[in-house]
Amino acid sequence: MNINHENSSDLPENMERAVDSLQDKFETAHAKEENAVAIVKDAVKDRIPFNTPTASVKDNQATAYELKSRLNWGEPGLTIVDARDRNSFAECSIQGAINMPVETLSDTAQSSLQTKRDIYVYGEDNAKTATAAATLRQAGFAHVAELIGGVETWKTIGGSVEGKNTDMTPGADAYNVIARLKEFAEERAKERQLHK
C-alpha cells in the first residue's frame, strides 16, 4: 500500500506523522505475513514423505508407479490410451483409459487428442505398447510414454481398473487420507528400488 503525499503540505503535521506511522505498520505486517507463508511452505514440504510427481512426460517409458503417483496427486493434462482391441478393453482396463485400437490409433488420436497432451499408452504386451507409442509419435504427439507392463502391472500395484472382469469394490482404506499418504510413500520407495 502506498499513500500519496503530494498534498502533504495541506495536512497538519500530526496527521502526516500518523499516515507515515500507518504506512510503516502496514509494511511491517506485510513483511511478517510473507515470512509466515514461507515458514509454512517449508514446514509442509518437510512433512510430505516423498516428492510430488513430475507433471509432464519426460521419458519414452513410464512405470505404473509413476503414473499412479501422478493420478493420485490429481495431476491434470494427461490421457491414458489403451491400444488393445475393444474386447480386451471391455474385459479390464485402467480406470479412465480411452480405447484406441492400434489399427486405427493414428487417425483416432489426431481427431480427438491435442498433440501437446501427455499420453500414457499401453497394449497387450511391451512390444505392442512400443508400436502404439511409435505410431503416436509419428502422428505428431510430443509427449508419449509407454506404460511398462500395461494393465497387468497396473493391477499388481493396486491401480484402479474397470470392466466386466473387475471387482469395483473400494478397499478398506480407500477414503482414509493418512493411509493413502502412507501407501503413496511405500509406492515411491518401490519405484526408487526399480530405478536402481
N, C-alpha and C. Protein backbone atom coordinates (compact mmCIF):
# COMPACT_ATOMS: atom_id res chain seq x y z
N MET A 1 0.85 -1.18 0.00
CA MET A 1 0.00 0.00 0.00
C MET A 1 0.89 1.22 0.00
N ASN A 2 0.64 2.14 -0.92
CA ASN A 2 1.39 3.38 -0.99
C ASN A 2 0.45 4.54 -0.75
N ILE A 3 0.82 5.40 0.13
CA ILE A 3 -0.02 6.56 0.43
C ILE A 3 0.61 7.76 -0.24
N ASN A 4 -0.17 8.50 -0.98
CA ASN A 4 0.31 9.65 -1.75
C ASN A 4 0.49 10.85 -0.82
N HIS A 5 1.68 11.39 -0.85
CA HIS A 5 2.00 12.55 -0.01
C HIS A 5 2.10 13.83 -0.82
N GLU A 6 1.50 13.89 -2.03
CA GLU A 6 1.64 15.06 -2.89
C GLU A 6 1.14 16.33 -2.19
N ASN A 7 0.03 16.23 -1.55
CA ASN A 7 -0.54 17.39 -0.89
C ASN A 7 -0.28 17.37 0.62
N SER A 8 0.88 16.85 0.99
CA SER A 8 1.17 16.73 2.41
C SER A 8 1.30 18.08 3.10
N SER A 9 1.61 19.15 2.35
CA SER A 9 1.72 20.47 2.97
C SER A 9 0.36 20.95 3.47
N ASP A 10 -0.72 20.40 2.89
CA ASP A 10 -2.07 20.76 3.33
C ASP A 10 -2.49 20.03 4.60
N LEU A 11 -1.78 18.94 4.93
CA LEU A 11 -2.12 18.16 6.11
C LEU A 11 -1.43 18.74 7.34
N PRO A 12 -2.10 18.70 8.44
CA PRO A 12 -1.40 19.10 9.67
C PRO A 12 -0.26 18.12 9.95
N GLU A 13 0.75 18.61 10.60
CA GLU A 13 1.96 17.81 10.85
C GLU A 13 1.66 16.52 11.59
N ASN A 14 0.77 16.53 12.57
CA ASN A 14 0.47 15.31 13.32
C ASN A 14 -0.26 14.28 12.46
N MET A 15 -1.08 14.72 11.48
CA MET A 15 -1.74 13.78 10.58
C MET A 15 -0.71 13.12 9.65
N GLU A 16 0.25 13.91 9.21
CA GLU A 16 1.30 13.38 8.34
C GLU A 16 2.10 12.30 9.07
N ARG A 17 2.41 12.53 10.34
CA ARG A 17 3.12 11.53 11.13
C ARG A 17 2.26 10.28 11.31
N ALA A 18 0.95 10.46 11.48
CA ALA A 18 0.04 9.32 11.65
C ALA A 18 -0.01 8.49 10.37
N VAL A 19 -0.05 9.18 9.22
CA VAL A 19 -0.06 8.46 7.94
C VAL A 19 1.25 7.69 7.76
N ASP A 20 2.38 8.33 8.07
CA ASP A 20 3.68 7.64 7.97
C ASP A 20 3.74 6.45 8.91
N SER A 21 3.20 6.60 10.09
CA SER A 21 3.19 5.50 11.06
C SER A 21 2.35 4.33 10.55
N LEU A 22 1.18 4.65 9.99
CA LEU A 22 0.33 3.59 9.42
C LEU A 22 1.02 2.88 8.26
N GLN A 23 1.69 3.65 7.42
CA GLN A 23 2.42 3.05 6.29
C GLN A 23 3.50 2.10 6.80
N ASP A 24 4.25 2.52 7.82
CA ASP A 24 5.30 1.67 8.39
C ASP A 24 4.70 0.39 8.98
N LYS A 25 3.58 0.53 9.69
CA LYS A 25 2.92 -0.64 10.28
C LYS A 25 2.45 -1.61 9.19
N PHE A 26 1.89 -1.05 8.13
CA PHE A 26 1.43 -1.90 7.03
C PHE A 26 2.60 -2.67 6.41
N GLU A 27 3.69 -1.98 6.13
CA GLU A 27 4.85 -2.63 5.52
C GLU A 27 5.43 -3.70 6.46
N THR A 28 5.46 -3.43 7.74
CA THR A 28 5.95 -4.42 8.72
C THR A 28 5.04 -5.64 8.74
N ALA A 29 3.73 -5.40 8.77
CA ALA A 29 2.77 -6.52 8.79
C ALA A 29 2.87 -7.34 7.50
N HIS A 30 3.04 -6.69 6.38
CA HIS A 30 3.16 -7.40 5.10
C HIS A 30 4.42 -8.27 5.08
N ALA A 31 5.53 -7.73 5.57
CA ALA A 31 6.78 -8.50 5.63
C ALA A 31 6.63 -9.71 6.56
N LYS A 32 5.95 -9.52 7.69
CA LYS A 32 5.73 -10.64 8.62
C LYS A 32 4.86 -11.71 7.97
N GLU A 33 3.84 -11.28 7.21
CA GLU A 33 2.95 -12.23 6.53
C GLU A 33 3.73 -13.05 5.50
N GLU A 34 4.56 -12.39 4.69
CA GLU A 34 5.36 -13.10 3.70
C GLU A 34 6.29 -14.10 4.37
N ASN A 35 6.89 -13.71 5.50
CA ASN A 35 7.78 -14.59 6.24
C ASN A 35 7.02 -15.80 6.79
N ALA A 36 5.81 -15.57 7.32
CA ALA A 36 4.99 -16.66 7.87
C ALA A 36 4.60 -17.64 6.76
N VAL A 37 4.25 -17.14 5.58
CA VAL A 37 3.88 -18.00 4.46
C VAL A 37 5.08 -18.86 4.06
N ALA A 38 6.25 -18.28 4.00
CA ALA A 38 7.46 -19.04 3.64
C ALA A 38 7.74 -20.13 4.67
N ILE A 39 7.56 -19.82 5.95
CA ILE A 39 7.79 -20.81 7.02
C ILE A 39 6.80 -21.97 6.89
N VAL A 40 5.54 -21.67 6.64
CA VAL A 40 4.52 -22.71 6.49
C VAL A 40 4.83 -23.58 5.28
N LYS A 41 5.20 -22.98 4.17
CA LYS A 41 5.54 -23.76 2.97
C LYS A 41 6.69 -24.71 3.25
N ASP A 42 7.72 -24.22 3.93
CA ASP A 42 8.86 -25.09 4.27
C ASP A 42 8.44 -26.21 5.21
N ALA A 43 7.61 -25.90 6.18
CA ALA A 43 7.16 -26.92 7.14
C ALA A 43 6.34 -28.00 6.46
N VAL A 44 5.44 -27.61 5.58
CA VAL A 44 4.62 -28.58 4.87
C VAL A 44 5.48 -29.43 3.95
N LYS A 45 6.39 -28.80 3.24
CA LYS A 45 7.26 -29.53 2.32
C LYS A 45 8.08 -30.58 3.06
N ASP A 46 8.55 -30.25 4.26
CA ASP A 46 9.36 -31.19 5.03
C ASP A 46 8.54 -32.35 5.58
N ARG A 47 7.23 -32.19 5.73
CA ARG A 47 6.39 -33.24 6.31
C ARG A 47 5.90 -34.25 5.28
N ILE A 48 5.89 -33.88 4.00
CA ILE A 48 5.46 -34.82 2.97
C ILE A 48 6.58 -35.84 2.82
N PRO A 49 6.27 -37.15 2.92
CA PRO A 49 7.32 -38.16 2.95
C PRO A 49 7.96 -38.46 1.59
N PHE A 50 7.59 -37.75 0.55
CA PHE A 50 8.14 -38.00 -0.78
C PHE A 50 7.88 -36.78 -1.64
N ASN A 51 8.57 -36.72 -2.77
CA ASN A 51 8.37 -35.62 -3.69
C ASN A 51 7.10 -35.82 -4.50
N THR A 52 6.45 -34.72 -4.84
CA THR A 52 5.27 -34.83 -5.70
C THR A 52 5.74 -35.22 -7.10
N PRO A 53 4.90 -35.93 -7.84
CA PRO A 53 5.32 -36.39 -9.16
C PRO A 53 5.49 -35.25 -10.14
N THR A 54 6.34 -35.49 -11.13
CA THR A 54 6.55 -34.51 -12.18
C THR A 54 5.30 -34.42 -13.04
N ALA A 55 4.95 -33.22 -13.43
CA ALA A 55 3.69 -33.00 -14.13
C ALA A 55 3.82 -33.06 -15.65
N SER A 56 4.77 -33.80 -16.16
CA SER A 56 4.80 -33.98 -17.61
C SER A 56 5.61 -35.23 -17.95
N VAL A 57 5.32 -35.76 -19.14
CA VAL A 57 6.04 -36.93 -19.63
C VAL A 57 7.42 -36.47 -20.08
N LYS A 58 8.45 -37.01 -19.48
CA LYS A 58 9.81 -36.63 -19.85
C LYS A 58 10.56 -37.77 -20.53
N ASP A 59 10.17 -39.01 -20.25
CA ASP A 59 10.84 -40.17 -20.83
C ASP A 59 9.90 -40.89 -21.78
N ASN A 60 10.46 -41.75 -22.61
CA ASN A 60 9.65 -42.53 -23.53
C ASN A 60 8.93 -43.67 -22.83
N GLN A 61 9.34 -43.99 -21.61
CA GLN A 61 8.71 -45.07 -20.87
C GLN A 61 8.37 -44.59 -19.46
N ALA A 62 7.32 -45.19 -18.91
CA ALA A 62 6.92 -44.85 -17.54
C ALA A 62 6.52 -46.12 -16.82
N THR A 63 6.78 -46.14 -15.52
CA THR A 63 6.34 -47.27 -14.71
C THR A 63 4.91 -47.04 -14.26
N ALA A 64 4.28 -48.11 -13.85
CA ALA A 64 2.92 -48.00 -13.29
C ALA A 64 2.94 -47.13 -12.04
N TYR A 65 4.02 -47.20 -11.26
CA TYR A 65 4.13 -46.38 -10.06
C TYR A 65 4.14 -44.90 -10.40
N GLU A 66 4.87 -44.53 -11.46
CA GLU A 66 4.93 -43.12 -11.86
C GLU A 66 3.55 -42.61 -12.25
N LEU A 67 2.85 -43.37 -13.07
CA LEU A 67 1.52 -42.95 -13.49
C LEU A 67 0.56 -42.89 -12.30
N LYS A 68 0.61 -43.88 -11.43
CA LYS A 68 -0.30 -43.91 -10.28
C LYS A 68 -0.03 -42.72 -9.36
N SER A 69 1.22 -42.39 -9.14
CA SER A 69 1.56 -41.24 -8.30
C SER A 69 0.99 -39.96 -8.91
N ARG A 70 1.13 -39.84 -10.20
CA ARG A 70 0.62 -38.64 -10.87
C ARG A 70 -0.90 -38.56 -10.77
N LEU A 71 -1.58 -39.66 -10.94
CA LEU A 71 -3.04 -39.69 -10.82
C LEU A 71 -3.48 -39.42 -9.38
N ASN A 72 -2.79 -40.02 -8.42
CA ASN A 72 -3.16 -39.84 -7.02
C ASN A 72 -3.00 -38.39 -6.57
N TRP A 73 -2.07 -37.67 -7.16
CA TRP A 73 -1.88 -36.27 -6.82
C TRP A 73 -2.79 -35.36 -7.63
N GLY A 74 -3.60 -35.95 -8.52
CA GLY A 74 -4.54 -35.14 -9.30
C GLY A 74 -3.87 -34.30 -10.36
N GLU A 75 -2.77 -34.79 -10.90
CA GLU A 75 -2.06 -34.04 -11.93
C GLU A 75 -2.92 -33.96 -13.19
N PRO A 76 -3.18 -32.77 -13.66
CA PRO A 76 -4.04 -32.61 -14.83
C PRO A 76 -3.29 -32.81 -16.14
N GLY A 77 -4.04 -32.86 -17.19
CA GLY A 77 -3.44 -32.82 -18.52
C GLY A 77 -2.81 -34.10 -18.98
N LEU A 78 -3.39 -35.24 -18.67
CA LEU A 78 -2.86 -36.48 -19.20
C LEU A 78 -3.99 -37.36 -19.70
N THR A 79 -3.66 -38.21 -20.65
CA THR A 79 -4.62 -39.16 -21.20
C THR A 79 -3.98 -40.53 -21.19
N ILE A 80 -4.75 -41.53 -20.76
CA ILE A 80 -4.29 -42.92 -20.80
C ILE A 80 -4.97 -43.58 -21.98
N VAL A 81 -4.16 -44.10 -22.90
CA VAL A 81 -4.69 -44.74 -24.10
C VAL A 81 -4.46 -46.24 -24.03
N ASP A 82 -5.53 -46.99 -24.14
CA ASP A 82 -5.49 -48.45 -24.20
C ASP A 82 -5.52 -48.81 -25.68
N ALA A 83 -4.42 -49.32 -26.21
CA ALA A 83 -4.30 -49.61 -27.65
C ALA A 83 -4.66 -51.05 -27.98
N ARG A 84 -5.27 -51.77 -27.03
CA ARG A 84 -5.68 -53.15 -27.28
C ARG A 84 -7.00 -53.17 -28.05
N ASP A 85 -7.45 -54.35 -28.44
CA ASP A 85 -8.73 -54.46 -29.15
C ASP A 85 -9.87 -54.14 -28.19
N ARG A 86 -11.04 -53.90 -28.74
CA ARG A 86 -12.20 -53.47 -27.94
C ARG A 86 -12.65 -54.53 -26.93
N ASN A 87 -12.54 -55.81 -27.27
CA ASN A 87 -12.93 -56.87 -26.34
C ASN A 87 -12.03 -56.89 -25.11
N SER A 88 -10.72 -56.79 -25.32
CA SER A 88 -9.78 -56.76 -24.18
C SER A 88 -10.05 -55.54 -23.31
N PHE A 89 -10.30 -54.41 -23.95
CA PHE A 89 -10.60 -53.19 -23.21
C PHE A 89 -11.87 -53.36 -22.37
N ALA A 90 -12.90 -53.97 -22.95
CA ALA A 90 -14.16 -54.16 -22.23
C ALA A 90 -14.01 -55.11 -21.05
N GLU A 91 -13.11 -56.08 -21.14
CA GLU A 91 -12.89 -57.04 -20.06
C GLU A 91 -12.24 -56.38 -18.85
N CYS A 92 -11.17 -55.63 -19.08
CA CYS A 92 -10.44 -54.99 -17.99
C CYS A 92 -9.52 -53.93 -18.55
N SER A 93 -9.62 -52.72 -18.03
CA SER A 93 -8.74 -51.63 -18.46
C SER A 93 -8.43 -50.74 -17.27
N ILE A 94 -7.42 -49.91 -17.42
CA ILE A 94 -7.08 -48.94 -16.39
C ILE A 94 -8.23 -47.94 -16.31
N GLN A 95 -8.68 -47.66 -15.10
CA GLN A 95 -9.81 -46.76 -14.93
C GLN A 95 -9.50 -45.40 -15.54
N GLY A 96 -10.41 -44.95 -16.40
CA GLY A 96 -10.25 -43.65 -17.05
C GLY A 96 -9.55 -43.71 -18.39
N ALA A 97 -9.02 -44.88 -18.76
CA ALA A 97 -8.35 -45.01 -20.06
C ALA A 97 -9.38 -44.94 -21.18
N ILE A 98 -8.92 -44.48 -22.34
CA ILE A 98 -9.78 -44.50 -23.51
C ILE A 98 -9.24 -45.54 -24.48
N ASN A 99 -10.14 -46.20 -25.17
CA ASN A 99 -9.75 -47.27 -26.08
C ASN A 99 -9.54 -46.72 -27.49
N MET A 100 -8.34 -46.94 -28.00
CA MET A 100 -7.99 -46.58 -29.37
C MET A 100 -7.15 -47.73 -29.91
N PRO A 101 -7.80 -48.75 -30.49
CA PRO A 101 -7.06 -49.89 -31.01
C PRO A 101 -5.95 -49.46 -31.95
N VAL A 102 -4.83 -50.17 -31.89
CA VAL A 102 -3.63 -49.76 -32.62
C VAL A 102 -3.88 -49.64 -34.13
N GLU A 103 -4.82 -50.42 -34.66
CA GLU A 103 -5.11 -50.38 -36.10
C GLU A 103 -5.63 -49.01 -36.53
N THR A 104 -6.36 -48.33 -35.67
CA THR A 104 -6.94 -47.02 -36.00
C THR A 104 -6.37 -45.90 -35.13
N LEU A 105 -5.32 -46.19 -34.42
CA LEU A 105 -4.79 -45.28 -33.41
C LEU A 105 -4.43 -43.90 -33.96
N SER A 106 -3.69 -43.85 -35.05
CA SER A 106 -3.22 -42.57 -35.59
C SER A 106 -4.39 -41.65 -35.94
N ASP A 107 -5.34 -42.14 -36.70
CA ASP A 107 -6.48 -41.31 -37.11
C ASP A 107 -7.34 -40.92 -35.92
N THR A 108 -7.63 -41.87 -35.03
CA THR A 108 -8.48 -41.59 -33.88
C THR A 108 -7.83 -40.57 -32.96
N ALA A 109 -6.54 -40.72 -32.70
CA ALA A 109 -5.84 -39.80 -31.81
C ALA A 109 -5.79 -38.40 -32.41
N GLN A 110 -5.49 -38.31 -33.70
CA GLN A 110 -5.39 -36.99 -34.33
C GLN A 110 -6.72 -36.25 -34.32
N SER A 111 -7.81 -36.99 -34.38
CA SER A 111 -9.12 -36.32 -34.39
C SER A 111 -9.66 -36.02 -33.00
N SER A 112 -9.05 -36.59 -31.95
CA SER A 112 -9.63 -36.40 -30.62
C SER A 112 -8.68 -35.94 -29.53
N LEU A 113 -7.37 -35.91 -29.77
CA LEU A 113 -6.41 -35.51 -28.74
C LEU A 113 -5.55 -34.34 -29.21
N GLN A 114 -5.12 -33.53 -28.26
CA GLN A 114 -4.20 -32.44 -28.57
C GLN A 114 -2.78 -33.00 -28.67
N THR A 115 -2.00 -32.51 -29.61
CA THR A 115 -0.65 -33.06 -29.83
C THR A 115 0.30 -32.77 -28.68
N LYS A 116 0.03 -31.76 -27.88
CA LYS A 116 0.92 -31.43 -26.75
C LYS A 116 0.49 -32.12 -25.46
N ARG A 117 -0.58 -32.87 -25.49
CA ARG A 117 -1.10 -33.54 -24.29
C ARG A 117 -0.17 -34.68 -23.88
N ASP A 118 -0.02 -34.91 -22.57
CA ASP A 118 0.75 -36.05 -22.06
C ASP A 118 -0.09 -37.31 -22.28
N ILE A 119 0.51 -38.30 -22.92
CA ILE A 119 -0.20 -39.55 -23.21
C ILE A 119 0.59 -40.72 -22.64
N TYR A 120 -0.11 -41.56 -21.88
CA TYR A 120 0.44 -42.82 -21.40
C TYR A 120 -0.30 -43.90 -22.18
N VAL A 121 0.44 -44.74 -22.90
CA VAL A 121 -0.19 -45.73 -23.76
C VAL A 121 0.24 -47.13 -23.34
N TYR A 122 -0.68 -48.09 -23.47
CA TYR A 122 -0.33 -49.49 -23.22
C TYR A 122 -1.09 -50.38 -24.18
N GLY A 123 -0.48 -51.55 -24.46
CA GLY A 123 -1.08 -52.54 -25.35
C GLY A 123 -1.10 -53.90 -24.68
N GLU A 124 -1.20 -54.95 -25.49
CA GLU A 124 -1.24 -56.33 -24.98
C GLU A 124 0.05 -56.71 -24.25
N ASP A 125 1.18 -56.23 -24.77
CA ASP A 125 2.49 -56.51 -24.17
C ASP A 125 3.40 -55.32 -24.46
N ASN A 126 4.63 -55.37 -23.95
CA ASN A 126 5.54 -54.22 -24.11
C ASN A 126 5.88 -53.95 -25.57
N ALA A 127 5.98 -54.99 -26.41
CA ALA A 127 6.29 -54.78 -27.82
C ALA A 127 5.15 -54.04 -28.52
N LYS A 128 3.91 -54.44 -28.24
CA LYS A 128 2.76 -53.77 -28.85
C LYS A 128 2.57 -52.36 -28.28
N THR A 129 2.95 -52.21 -27.04
CA THR A 129 2.92 -50.87 -26.44
C THR A 129 3.90 -49.96 -27.15
N ALA A 130 5.11 -50.47 -27.43
CA ALA A 130 6.13 -49.68 -28.14
C ALA A 130 5.65 -49.31 -29.54
N THR A 131 4.97 -50.24 -30.21
CA THR A 131 4.43 -49.97 -31.55
C THR A 131 3.39 -48.86 -31.49
N ALA A 132 2.50 -48.94 -30.52
CA ALA A 132 1.46 -47.91 -30.35
C ALA A 132 2.08 -46.55 -30.06
N ALA A 133 3.10 -46.52 -29.19
CA ALA A 133 3.76 -45.26 -28.86
C ALA A 133 4.45 -44.67 -30.09
N ALA A 134 5.11 -45.52 -30.86
CA ALA A 134 5.77 -45.05 -32.09
C ALA A 134 4.74 -44.47 -33.06
N THR A 135 3.59 -45.10 -33.17
CA THR A 135 2.52 -44.61 -34.04
C THR A 135 2.08 -43.22 -33.61
N LEU A 136 1.90 -43.03 -32.31
CA LEU A 136 1.50 -41.71 -31.80
C LEU A 136 2.59 -40.66 -32.05
N ARG A 137 3.83 -41.02 -31.83
CA ARG A 137 4.93 -40.07 -32.05
C ARG A 137 5.01 -39.68 -33.52
N GLN A 138 4.85 -40.65 -34.43
CA GLN A 138 4.87 -40.37 -35.86
C GLN A 138 3.69 -39.48 -36.26
N ALA A 139 2.60 -39.57 -35.54
CA ALA A 139 1.41 -38.75 -35.83
C ALA A 139 1.56 -37.33 -35.27
N GLY A 140 2.67 -37.04 -34.62
CA GLY A 140 2.94 -35.68 -34.15
C GLY A 140 2.71 -35.43 -32.67
N PHE A 141 2.48 -36.47 -31.90
CA PHE A 141 2.28 -36.29 -30.46
C PHE A 141 3.65 -36.21 -29.78
N ALA A 142 3.85 -35.13 -29.02
CA ALA A 142 5.17 -34.82 -28.48
C ALA A 142 5.49 -35.51 -27.16
N HIS A 143 4.49 -35.82 -26.35
CA HIS A 143 4.73 -36.34 -25.01
C HIS A 143 4.03 -37.69 -24.83
N VAL A 144 4.69 -38.74 -25.27
CA VAL A 144 4.11 -40.09 -25.22
C VAL A 144 5.02 -40.98 -24.39
N ALA A 145 4.43 -41.65 -23.40
CA ALA A 145 5.19 -42.60 -22.57
C ALA A 145 4.56 -43.97 -22.69
N GLU A 146 5.41 -44.98 -22.89
CA GLU A 146 4.95 -46.37 -22.91
C GLU A 146 4.80 -46.84 -21.48
N LEU A 147 3.62 -47.31 -21.12
CA LEU A 147 3.38 -47.79 -19.76
C LEU A 147 3.89 -49.23 -19.67
N ILE A 148 5.03 -49.40 -19.02
CA ILE A 148 5.69 -50.70 -18.92
C ILE A 148 4.80 -51.68 -18.16
N GLY A 149 4.56 -52.84 -18.76
CA GLY A 149 3.77 -53.89 -18.11
C GLY A 149 2.28 -53.77 -18.31
N GLY A 150 1.82 -52.63 -18.83
CA GLY A 150 0.42 -52.44 -19.15
C GLY A 150 -0.53 -52.65 -17.99
N VAL A 151 -1.71 -53.16 -18.32
CA VAL A 151 -2.79 -53.30 -17.33
C VAL A 151 -2.45 -54.36 -16.28
N GLU A 152 -1.68 -55.37 -16.63
CA GLU A 152 -1.33 -56.41 -15.64
C GLU A 152 -0.46 -55.85 -14.53
N THR A 153 0.56 -55.06 -14.89
CA THR A 153 1.41 -54.44 -13.86
C THR A 153 0.59 -53.44 -13.06
N TRP A 154 -0.30 -52.73 -13.75
CA TRP A 154 -1.16 -51.76 -13.08
C TRP A 154 -2.00 -52.45 -11.99
N LYS A 155 -2.57 -53.60 -12.31
CA LYS A 155 -3.36 -54.34 -11.32
C LYS A 155 -2.47 -54.83 -10.19
N THR A 156 -1.26 -55.25 -10.49
CA THR A 156 -0.33 -55.76 -9.48
C THR A 156 -0.04 -54.73 -8.40
N ILE A 157 0.05 -53.45 -8.80
CA ILE A 157 0.35 -52.41 -7.80
C ILE A 157 -0.92 -51.83 -7.17
N GLY A 158 -2.06 -52.41 -7.49
CA GLY A 158 -3.31 -51.96 -6.89
C GLY A 158 -3.93 -50.75 -7.56
N GLY A 159 -3.58 -50.54 -8.84
CA GLY A 159 -4.18 -49.43 -9.57
C GLY A 159 -5.65 -49.71 -9.86
N SER A 160 -6.44 -48.67 -9.97
CA SER A 160 -7.87 -48.81 -10.23
C SER A 160 -8.12 -49.29 -11.65
N VAL A 161 -8.98 -50.29 -11.76
CA VAL A 161 -9.34 -50.85 -13.06
C VAL A 161 -10.86 -50.86 -13.20
N GLU A 162 -11.33 -51.01 -14.43
CA GLU A 162 -12.75 -51.13 -14.68
C GLU A 162 -12.97 -52.11 -15.83
N GLY A 163 -14.17 -52.65 -15.91
CA GLY A 163 -14.51 -53.60 -16.95
C GLY A 163 -15.32 -54.75 -16.41
N LYS A 164 -15.70 -55.65 -17.32
CA LYS A 164 -16.56 -56.78 -16.96
C LYS A 164 -15.90 -57.72 -15.95
N ASN A 165 -14.61 -57.93 -16.07
CA ASN A 165 -13.90 -58.88 -15.21
C ASN A 165 -13.13 -58.19 -14.08
N THR A 166 -13.73 -57.19 -13.48
CA THR A 166 -13.04 -56.49 -12.39
C THR A 166 -13.95 -56.37 -11.18
N ASP A 167 -13.34 -56.26 -10.02
CA ASP A 167 -14.07 -56.03 -8.78
C ASP A 167 -13.96 -54.54 -8.48
N MET A 168 -15.06 -53.84 -8.50
CA MET A 168 -15.05 -52.38 -8.33
C MET A 168 -15.22 -51.95 -6.87
N THR A 169 -15.14 -52.89 -5.92
CA THR A 169 -15.32 -52.56 -4.52
C THR A 169 -14.07 -51.85 -3.99
N PRO A 170 -14.20 -50.64 -3.42
CA PRO A 170 -13.03 -49.95 -2.89
C PRO A 170 -12.49 -50.66 -1.66
N GLY A 171 -11.18 -50.57 -1.44
CA GLY A 171 -10.54 -51.20 -0.29
C GLY A 171 -10.92 -50.51 1.01
N ALA A 172 -10.53 -51.11 2.12
CA ALA A 172 -10.89 -50.60 3.45
C ALA A 172 -10.34 -49.19 3.69
N ASP A 173 -9.16 -48.90 3.16
CA ASP A 173 -8.54 -47.59 3.39
C ASP A 173 -8.73 -46.63 2.22
N ALA A 174 -9.65 -46.91 1.32
CA ALA A 174 -9.82 -46.10 0.11
C ALA A 174 -10.09 -44.63 0.42
N TYR A 175 -10.75 -44.32 1.53
CA TYR A 175 -11.12 -42.94 1.83
C TYR A 175 -10.37 -42.39 3.05
N ASN A 176 -9.33 -43.08 3.49
CA ASN A 176 -8.54 -42.66 4.64
C ASN A 176 -7.29 -41.95 4.11
N VAL A 177 -7.24 -40.62 4.27
CA VAL A 177 -6.15 -39.82 3.70
C VAL A 177 -4.79 -40.24 4.26
N ILE A 178 -4.68 -40.46 5.55
CA ILE A 178 -3.40 -40.84 6.16
C ILE A 178 -2.93 -42.17 5.59
N ALA A 179 -3.83 -43.14 5.49
CA ALA A 179 -3.46 -44.45 4.93
C ALA A 179 -3.03 -44.30 3.48
N ARG A 180 -3.71 -43.42 2.72
CA ARG A 180 -3.36 -43.20 1.31
C ARG A 180 -1.97 -42.58 1.20
N LEU A 181 -1.65 -41.61 2.06
CA LEU A 181 -0.32 -40.99 2.02
C LEU A 181 0.78 -42.01 2.34
N LYS A 182 0.52 -42.88 3.32
CA LYS A 182 1.49 -43.92 3.65
C LYS A 182 1.67 -44.87 2.46
N GLU A 183 0.56 -45.20 1.81
CA GLU A 183 0.62 -46.08 0.64
C GLU A 183 1.43 -45.43 -0.48
N PHE A 184 1.23 -44.12 -0.70
CA PHE A 184 1.98 -43.41 -1.73
C PHE A 184 3.47 -43.44 -1.42
N ALA A 185 3.82 -43.25 -0.13
CA ALA A 185 5.23 -43.26 0.26
C ALA A 185 5.83 -44.64 -0.01
N GLU A 186 5.08 -45.69 0.29
CA GLU A 186 5.57 -47.05 0.03
C GLU A 186 5.74 -47.29 -1.48
N GLU A 187 4.81 -46.78 -2.26
CA GLU A 187 4.91 -46.93 -3.72
C GLU A 187 6.13 -46.21 -4.27
N ARG A 188 6.38 -45.01 -3.75
CA ARG A 188 7.56 -44.25 -4.21
C ARG A 188 8.84 -45.00 -3.84
N ALA A 189 8.87 -45.61 -2.67
CA ALA A 189 10.05 -46.39 -2.26
C ALA A 189 10.25 -47.57 -3.21
N LYS A 190 9.16 -48.26 -3.58
CA LYS A 190 9.26 -49.36 -4.53
C LYS A 190 9.74 -48.87 -5.87
N GLU A 191 9.24 -47.71 -6.30
CA GLU A 191 9.64 -47.13 -7.58
C GLU A 191 11.14 -46.82 -7.58
N ARG A 192 11.63 -46.26 -6.48
CA ARG A 192 13.07 -45.96 -6.39
C ARG A 192 13.90 -47.25 -6.49
N GLN A 193 13.39 -48.33 -5.90
CA GLN A 193 14.10 -49.62 -5.98
C GLN A 193 14.16 -50.12 -7.42
N LEU A 194 13.11 -49.89 -8.19
CA LEU A 194 13.09 -50.32 -9.59
C LEU A 194 14.10 -49.57 -10.44
N HIS A 195 14.38 -48.32 -10.09
CA HIS A 195 15.32 -47.50 -10.86
C HIS A 195 16.78 -47.71 -10.49
N LYS A 196 17.02 -48.51 -9.43
CA LYS A 196 18.42 -48.74 -9.01
C LYS A 196 19.07 -49.80 -9.84
